[in-house]
Amino acid sequence: MAYKPLFSVIVPTRNRPEQLRLCLGAFCCLDYPRDRFEVIIVDDGSEKPLDKIVKAFDHPLNVTFIRQKNAGPAAARNTGASRASGRFLVFTDDDCPPAPDWLEKLEKRFNETPDVAIGGRIVNFLRQNPYSVTSQVISDTAYAYYNPDPNRVRFIGAANLSVPADHFHDISGFDMDFSTAEDRE
């Protein structure tokens, strides 16, 4: 029987090697069996190649590296999804290192509700950076406004979004016509 992970973690990246290195390092610290998830890194046209950074994590993780011409994060996420073999697609960003129990919690939630999209909080650790703080305030405001009932969510950002792969493909993925905030649309 061919290897088939439960989760395919998809990370779009562009010109942020240090953030990607930290993110991949956090994946190595996940308290989750390595044979139950794969990591797909999609380089969306970085000026400097990122393949050496990804290769350094190829042994502790099951990593696929894809390089494409710059087409935006929606296209990068869709490219990753097209190569994914997991039952669930898990999207995050290269500057979002997950908590060690991230996939464990997702598996528990999908066992309870296997046909829904699942999203989680995103925590800003750059509290001294005014851009990061502003982005966090906007995100928190949108989450509060659109999601007053945690079981009937209408807004999830792609930095912590998980969906059944078949449902994602049924809706043809992210809309690449949006140049910004495509994950929120």
C-alpha atoms as a PDB file:
ATOM      1  CA  MET A   1       0.000   0.000   0.000  1.00  0.00           C
ATOM      2  CA  ALA A   2       1.322   3.428  -0.939  1.00  0.00           C
ATOM      3  CA  TYR A   3       2.132   6.007   1.705  1.00  0.00           C
ATOM      4  CA  LYS A   4      -0.889   8.232   2.309  1.00  0.00           C
ATOM      5  CA  PRO A   5      -0.678  10.779   5.116  1.00  0.00           C
ATOM      6  CA  LEU A   6      -3.700  12.085   6.956  1.00  0.00           C
ATOM      7  CA  PHE A   7      -2.539  15.690   6.580  1.00  0.00           C
ATOM      8  CA  SER A   8      -0.849  17.625   3.799  1.00  0.00           C
ATOM      9  CA  VAL A   9       0.576  20.832   5.266  1.00  0.00           C
ATOM     10  CA  ILE A  10       0.890  23.453   2.516  1.00  0.00           C
ATOM     11  CA  VAL A  11       3.115  26.503   2.962  1.00  0.00           C
ATOM     12  CA  PRO A  12       3.405  29.214   0.299  1.00  0.00           C
ATOM     13  CA  THR A  13       6.578  31.276   0.587  1.00  0.00           C
ATOM     14  CA  ARG A  14       8.353  34.074  -1.233  1.00  0.00           C
ATOM     15  CA  ASN A  15      11.621  35.796  -0.348  1.00  0.00           C
ATOM     16  CA  ARG A  16      11.465  34.950   3.367  1.00  0.00           C
ATOM     17  CA  PRO A  17      14.163  32.337   3.996  1.00  0.00           C
ATOM     18  CA  GLU A  18      14.531  32.938   7.739  1.00  0.00           C
ATOM     19  CA  GLN A  19      10.790  32.749   8.372  1.00  0.00           C
ATOM     20  CA  LEU A  20      10.625  29.530   6.336  1.00  0.00           C
ATOM     21  CA  ARG A  21      13.547  28.029   8.295  1.00  0.00           C
ATOM     22  CA  LEU A  22      11.796  28.782  11.607  1.00  0.00           C
ATOM     23  CA  CYS A  23       8.507  27.374  10.315  1.00  0.00           C
ATOM     24  CA  LEU A  24      10.143  24.139   9.144  1.00  0.00           C
ATOM     25  CA  GLY A  25      11.936  23.886  12.474  1.00  0.00           C
ATOM     26  CA  ALA A  26       8.569  24.139  14.242  1.00  0.00           C
ATOM     27  CA  PHE A  27       7.212  21.315  12.054  1.00  0.00           C
ATOM     28  CA  CYS A  28      10.087  19.154  13.360  1.00  0.00           C
ATOM     29  CA  CYS A  29       8.802  19.831  16.893  1.00  0.00           C
ATOM     30  CA  LEU A  30       5.239  18.728  16.180  1.00  0.00           C
ATOM     31  CA  ASP A  31       4.070  16.089  18.619  1.00  0.00           C
ATOM     32  CA  TYR A  32       2.592  14.009  15.840  1.00  0.00           C
ATOM     33  CA  PRO A  33       3.744  10.884  13.959  1.00  0.00           C
ATOM     34  CA  ARG A  34       5.917  11.818  10.974  1.00  0.00           C
ATOM     35  CA  ASP A  35       4.251   9.223   8.754  1.00  0.00           C
ATOM     36  CA  ARG A  36       0.842  10.884   9.275  1.00  0.00           C
ATOM     37  CA  PHE A  37       1.716  14.199   7.584  1.00  0.00           C
ATOM     38  CA  GLU A  38       3.619  15.615   4.674  1.00  0.00           C
ATOM     39  CA  VAL A  39       4.860  19.183   4.186  1.00  0.00           C
ATOM     40  CA  ILE A  40       4.585  20.875   0.799  1.00  0.00           C
ATOM     41  CA  ILE A  41       6.562  24.088   0.361  1.00  0.00           C
ATOM     42  CA  VAL A  42       5.640  26.183  -2.667  1.00  0.00           C
ATOM     43  CA  ASP A  43       8.195  28.851  -3.534  1.00  0.00           C
ATOM     44  CA  ASP A  44       6.237  31.532  -5.357  1.00  0.00           C
ATOM     45  CA  GLY A  45       9.107  32.956  -7.396  1.00  0.00           C
ATOM     46  CA  SER A  46      11.659  33.956  -4.749  1.00  0.00           C
ATOM     47  CA  GLU A  47      14.612  35.914  -6.084  1.00  0.00           C
ATOM     48  CA  LYS A  48      17.050  33.700  -4.172  1.00  0.00           C
ATOM     49  CA  PRO A  49      16.496  29.944  -4.262  1.00  0.00           C
ATOM     50  CA  LEU A  50      15.088  28.387  -1.109  1.00  0.00           C
ATOM     51  CA  ASP A  51      15.765  24.760  -2.028  1.00  0.00           C
ATOM     52  CA  LYS A  52      18.827  24.431   0.274  1.00  0.00           C
ATOM     53  CA  ILE A  53      16.792  25.565   3.268  1.00  0.00           C
ATOM     54  CA  VAL A  54      14.057  23.048   2.504  1.00  0.00           C
ATOM     55  CA  LYS A  55      16.546  20.253   1.768  1.00  0.00           C
ATOM     56  CA  ALA A  56      17.994  20.624   5.276  1.00  0.00           C
ATOM     57  CA  PHE A  57      14.612  19.486   6.639  1.00  0.00           C
ATOM     58  CA  ASP A  58      14.031  16.693   4.121  1.00  0.00           C
ATOM     59  CA  HIS A  59      15.304  13.976   6.440  1.00  0.00           C
ATOM     60  CA  PRO A  60      13.394  14.765   9.639  1.00  0.00           C
ATOM     61  CA  LEU A  61      10.257  15.580   7.634  1.00  0.00           C
ATOM     62  CA  ASN A  62       8.525  14.316   4.516  1.00  0.00           C
ATOM     63  CA  VAL A  63       8.953  17.514   2.467  1.00  0.00           C
ATOM     64  CA  THR A  64       8.060  18.255  -1.129  1.00  0.00           C
ATOM     65  CA  PHE A  65       9.526  21.440  -2.603  1.00  0.00           C
ATOM     66  CA  ILE A  66       7.875  23.112  -5.586  1.00  0.00           C
ATOM     67  CA  ARG A  67       9.126  26.262  -7.279  1.00  0.00           C
ATOM     68  CA  GLN A  68       6.789  28.264  -9.503  1.00  0.00           C
ATOM     69  CA  LYS A  69       6.855  31.642 -11.223  1.00  0.00           C
ATOM     70  CA  ASN A  70       5.430  34.374  -9.016  1.00  0.00           C
ATOM     71  CA  ALA A  71       1.649  34.093  -9.257  1.00  0.00           C
ATOM     72  CA  GLY A  72       0.557  35.034  -5.726  1.00  0.00           C
ATOM     73  CA  PRO A  73      -0.329  33.122  -2.581  1.00  0.00           C
ATOM     74  CA  ALA A  74      -3.630  31.734  -3.904  1.00  0.00           C
ATOM     75  CA  ALA A  75      -1.849  30.141  -6.839  1.00  0.00           C
ATOM     76  CA  ALA A  76       0.891  28.811  -4.560  1.00  0.00           C
ATOM     77  CA  ARG A  77      -1.680  27.271  -2.220  1.00  0.00           C
ATOM     78  CA  ASN A  78      -3.520  25.721  -5.172  1.00  0.00           C
ATOM     79  CA  THR A  79      -0.255  24.353  -6.574  1.00  0.00           C
ATOM     80  CA  GLY A  80       0.521  22.748  -3.232  1.00  0.00           C
ATOM     81  CA  ALA A  81      -2.986  21.311  -2.984  1.00  0.00           C
ATOM     82  CA  SER A  82      -2.665  19.793  -6.454  1.00  0.00           C
ATOM     83  CA  ARG A  83       0.363  17.791  -5.279  1.00  0.00           C
ATOM     84  CA  ALA A  84      -1.034  16.849  -1.876  1.00  0.00           C
ATOM     85  CA  SER A  85      -1.831  13.255  -0.999  1.00  0.00           C
ATOM     86  CA  GLY A  86      -3.381  13.766   2.426  1.00  0.00           C
ATOM     87  CA  ARG A  87      -7.055  13.374   3.244  1.00  0.00           C
ATOM     88  CA  PHE A  88      -7.007  16.871   4.760  1.00  0.00           C
ATOM     89  CA  LEU A  89      -5.243  19.974   3.484  1.00  0.00           C
ATOM     90  CA  VAL A  90      -3.709  22.152   6.171  1.00  0.00           C
ATOM     91  CA  PHE A  91      -2.725  25.663   5.093  1.00  0.00           C
ATOM     92  CA  THR A  92      -0.376  27.932   6.987  1.00  0.00           C
ATOM     93  CA  ASP A  93       2.077  30.703   6.160  1.00  0.00           C
ATOM     94  CA  ASP A  94       5.857  30.667   6.286  1.00  0.00           C
ATOM     95  CA  ASP A  95       5.888  33.080   9.241  1.00  0.00           C
ATOM     96  CA  CYS A  96       3.479  30.995  11.346  1.00  0.00           C
ATOM     97  CA  PRO A  97       5.285  28.323  13.342  1.00  0.00           C
ATOM     98  CA  PRO A  98       2.590  26.040  14.767  1.00  0.00           C
ATOM     99  CA  ALA A  99       2.193  24.850  18.338  1.00  0.00           C
ATOM    100  CA  PRO A 100       3.488  21.312  18.988  1.00  0.00           C
ATOM    101  CA  ASP A 101      -0.041  19.918  19.412  1.00  0.00           C
ATOM    102  CA  TRP A 102      -1.442  21.587  16.262  1.00  0.00           C
ATOM    103  CA  LEU A 103      -1.984  18.467  14.143  1.00  0.00           C
ATOM    104  CA  GLU A 104      -3.071  16.402  17.123  1.00  0.00           C
ATOM    105  CA  LYS A 105      -5.858  18.906  17.831  1.00  0.00           C
ATOM    106  CA  LEU A 106      -6.835  19.019  14.160  1.00  0.00           C
ATOM    107  CA  GLU A 107      -7.099  15.232  14.005  1.00  0.00           C
ATOM    108  CA  LYS A 108      -9.332  15.200  17.087  1.00  0.00           C
ATOM    109  CA  ARG A 109     -11.616  17.862  15.607  1.00  0.00           C
ATOM    110  CA  PHE A 110     -11.787  16.158  12.181  1.00  0.00           C
ATOM    111  CA  ASN A 111     -12.702  12.884  13.901  1.00  0.00           C
ATOM    112  CA  GLU A 112     -15.714  14.713  15.351  1.00  0.00           C
ATOM    113  CA  THR A 113     -16.607  16.717  12.203  1.00  0.00           C
ATOM    114  CA  PRO A 114     -14.866  15.297   9.118  1.00  0.00           C
ATOM    115  CA  ASP A 115     -16.679  17.388   6.491  1.00  0.00           C
ATOM    116  CA  VAL A 116     -16.050  20.931   7.696  1.00  0.00           C
ATOM    117  CA  ALA A 117     -13.339  23.541   7.361  1.00  0.00           C
ATOM    118  CA  ILE A 118     -11.443  24.071  10.585  1.00  0.00           C
ATOM    119  CA  GLY A 119      -9.561  27.202  11.491  1.00  0.00           C
ATOM    120  CA  GLY A 120      -7.642  28.322  14.487  1.00  0.00           C
ATOM    121  CA  ARG A 121      -6.305  31.411  16.122  1.00  0.00           C
ATOM    122  CA  ILE A 122      -3.210  33.143  14.915  1.00  0.00           C
ATOM    123  CA  VAL A 123      -1.079  34.750  17.613  1.00  0.00           C
ATOM    124  CA  ASN A 124       1.239  37.665  16.880  1.00  0.00           C
ATOM    125  CA  PHE A 125       4.576  37.244  18.635  1.00  0.00           C
ATOM    126  CA  LEU A 126       6.019  40.451  17.138  1.00  0.00           C
ATOM    127  CA  ARG A 127       4.340  42.796  19.605  1.00  0.00           C
ATOM    128  CA  GLN A 128       6.946  45.524  19.028  1.00  0.00           C
ATOM    129  CA  ASN A 129       6.313  45.613  15.273  1.00  0.00           C
ATOM    130  CA  PRO A 130       3.514  48.110  14.466  1.00  0.00           C
ATOM    131  CA  TYR A 131       2.670  46.363  11.165  1.00  0.00           C
ATOM    132  CA  SER A 132       2.273  42.995  12.879  1.00  0.00           C
ATOM    133  CA  VAL A 133       0.211  44.533  15.661  1.00  0.00           C
ATOM    134  CA  THR A 134      -2.060  46.278  13.145  1.00  0.00           C
ATOM    135  CA  SER A 135      -2.490  43.092  11.132  1.00  0.00           C
ATOM    136  CA  GLN A 136      -3.372  41.200  14.319  1.00  0.00           C
ATOM    137  CA  VAL A 137      -5.978  43.824  15.316  1.00  0.00           C
ATOM    138  CA  ILE A 138      -7.599  43.634  11.869  1.00  0.00           C
ATOM    139  CA  SER A 139      -7.629  39.839  11.963  1.00  0.00           C
ATOM    140  CA  ASP A 140      -8.998  39.696  15.509  1.00  0.00           C
ATOM    141  CA  THR A 141     -11.717  42.193  14.583  1.00  0.00           C
ATOM    142  CA  ALA A 142     -12.770  40.158  11.536  1.00  0.00           C
ATOM    143  CA  TYR A 143     -12.812  36.938  13.562  1.00  0.00           C
ATOM    144  CA  ALA A 144     -14.950  38.557  16.273  1.00  0.00           C
ATOM    145  CA  TYR A 145     -17.370  40.140  13.797  1.00  0.00           C
ATOM    146  CA  TYR A 146     -17.886  37.168  11.473  1.00  0.00           C
ATOM    147  CA  ASN A 147     -17.636  34.382  14.036  1.00  0.00           C
ATOM    148  CA  PRO A 148     -19.801  35.157  17.065  1.00  0.00           C
ATOM    149  CA  ASP A 149     -20.770  31.458  17.201  1.00  0.00           C
ATOM    150  CA  PRO A 150     -17.631  29.242  17.129  1.00  0.00           C
ATOM    151  CA  ASN A 151     -19.637  26.396  15.585  1.00  0.00           C
ATOM    152  CA  ARG A 152     -20.946  28.503  12.675  1.00  0.00           C
ATOM    153  CA  VAL A 153     -17.817  30.265  11.482  1.00  0.00           C
ATOM    154  CA  ARG A 154     -17.923  32.474   8.376  1.00  0.00           C
ATOM    155  CA  PHE A 155     -14.330  33.751   8.396  1.00  0.00           C
ATOM    156  CA  ILE A 156     -11.034  31.839   8.568  1.00  0.00           C
ATOM    157  CA  GLY A 157      -7.679  33.144   7.383  1.00  0.00           C
ATOM    158  CA  ALA A 158      -5.415  30.758   5.476  1.00  0.00           C
ATOM    159  CA  ALA A 159      -2.583  31.027   7.992  1.00  0.00           C
ATOM    160  CA  ASN A 160      -4.413  28.374  10.052  1.00  0.00           C
ATOM    161  CA  LEU A 161      -7.004  26.718   7.800  1.00  0.00           C
ATOM    162  CA  SER A 162      -7.711  23.011   7.336  1.00  0.00           C
ATOM    163  CA  VAL A 163     -10.186  21.459   4.917  1.00  0.00           C
ATOM    164  CA  PRO A 164     -11.074  18.037   3.563  1.00  0.00           C
ATOM    165  CA  ALA A 165      -9.070  17.691   0.337  1.00  0.00           C
ATOM    166  CA  ASP A 166     -12.033  16.454  -1.713  1.00  0.00           C
ATOM    167  CA  HIS A 167     -14.171  19.465  -0.728  1.00  0.00           C
ATOM    168  CA  PHE A 168     -11.313  21.847  -1.542  1.00  0.00           C
ATOM    169  CA  HIS A 169     -10.957  20.357  -5.019  1.00  0.00           C
ATOM    170  CA  ASP A 170     -14.757  20.397  -5.514  1.00  0.00           C
ATOM    171  CA  ILE A 171     -14.737  24.207  -5.197  1.00  0.00           C
ATOM    172  CA  SER A 172     -11.591  24.547  -7.372  1.00  0.00           C
ATOM    173  CA  GLY A 173      -9.411  25.904  -4.580  1.00  0.00           C
ATOM    174  CA  PHE A 174      -8.559  29.521  -3.873  1.00  0.00           C
ATOM    175  CA  ASP A 175      -9.701  32.199  -6.309  1.00  0.00           C
ATOM    176  CA  MET A 176      -6.550  33.488  -8.006  1.00  0.00           C
ATOM    177  CA  ASP A 177      -8.327  36.619  -9.284  1.00  0.00           C
ATOM    178  CA  PHE A 178      -7.943  38.209  -5.845  1.00  0.00           C
ATOM    179  CA  SER A 179      -4.565  39.931  -5.536  1.00  0.00           C
ATOM    180  CA  THR A 180      -4.797  40.338  -1.745  1.00  0.00           C
ATOM    181  CA  ALA A 181      -6.790  38.672   1.013  1.00  0.00           C
ATOM    182  CA  GLU A 182      -7.737  35.825  -1.337  1.00  0.00           C
ATOM    183  CA  ASP A 183      -7.774  33.462   1.594  1.00  0.00           C
ATOM    184  CA  ARG A 184     -10.432  35.530   3.310  1.00  0.00           C
ATOM    185  CA  GLU A 185     -12.638  35.721   0.222  1.00  0.00           C
END
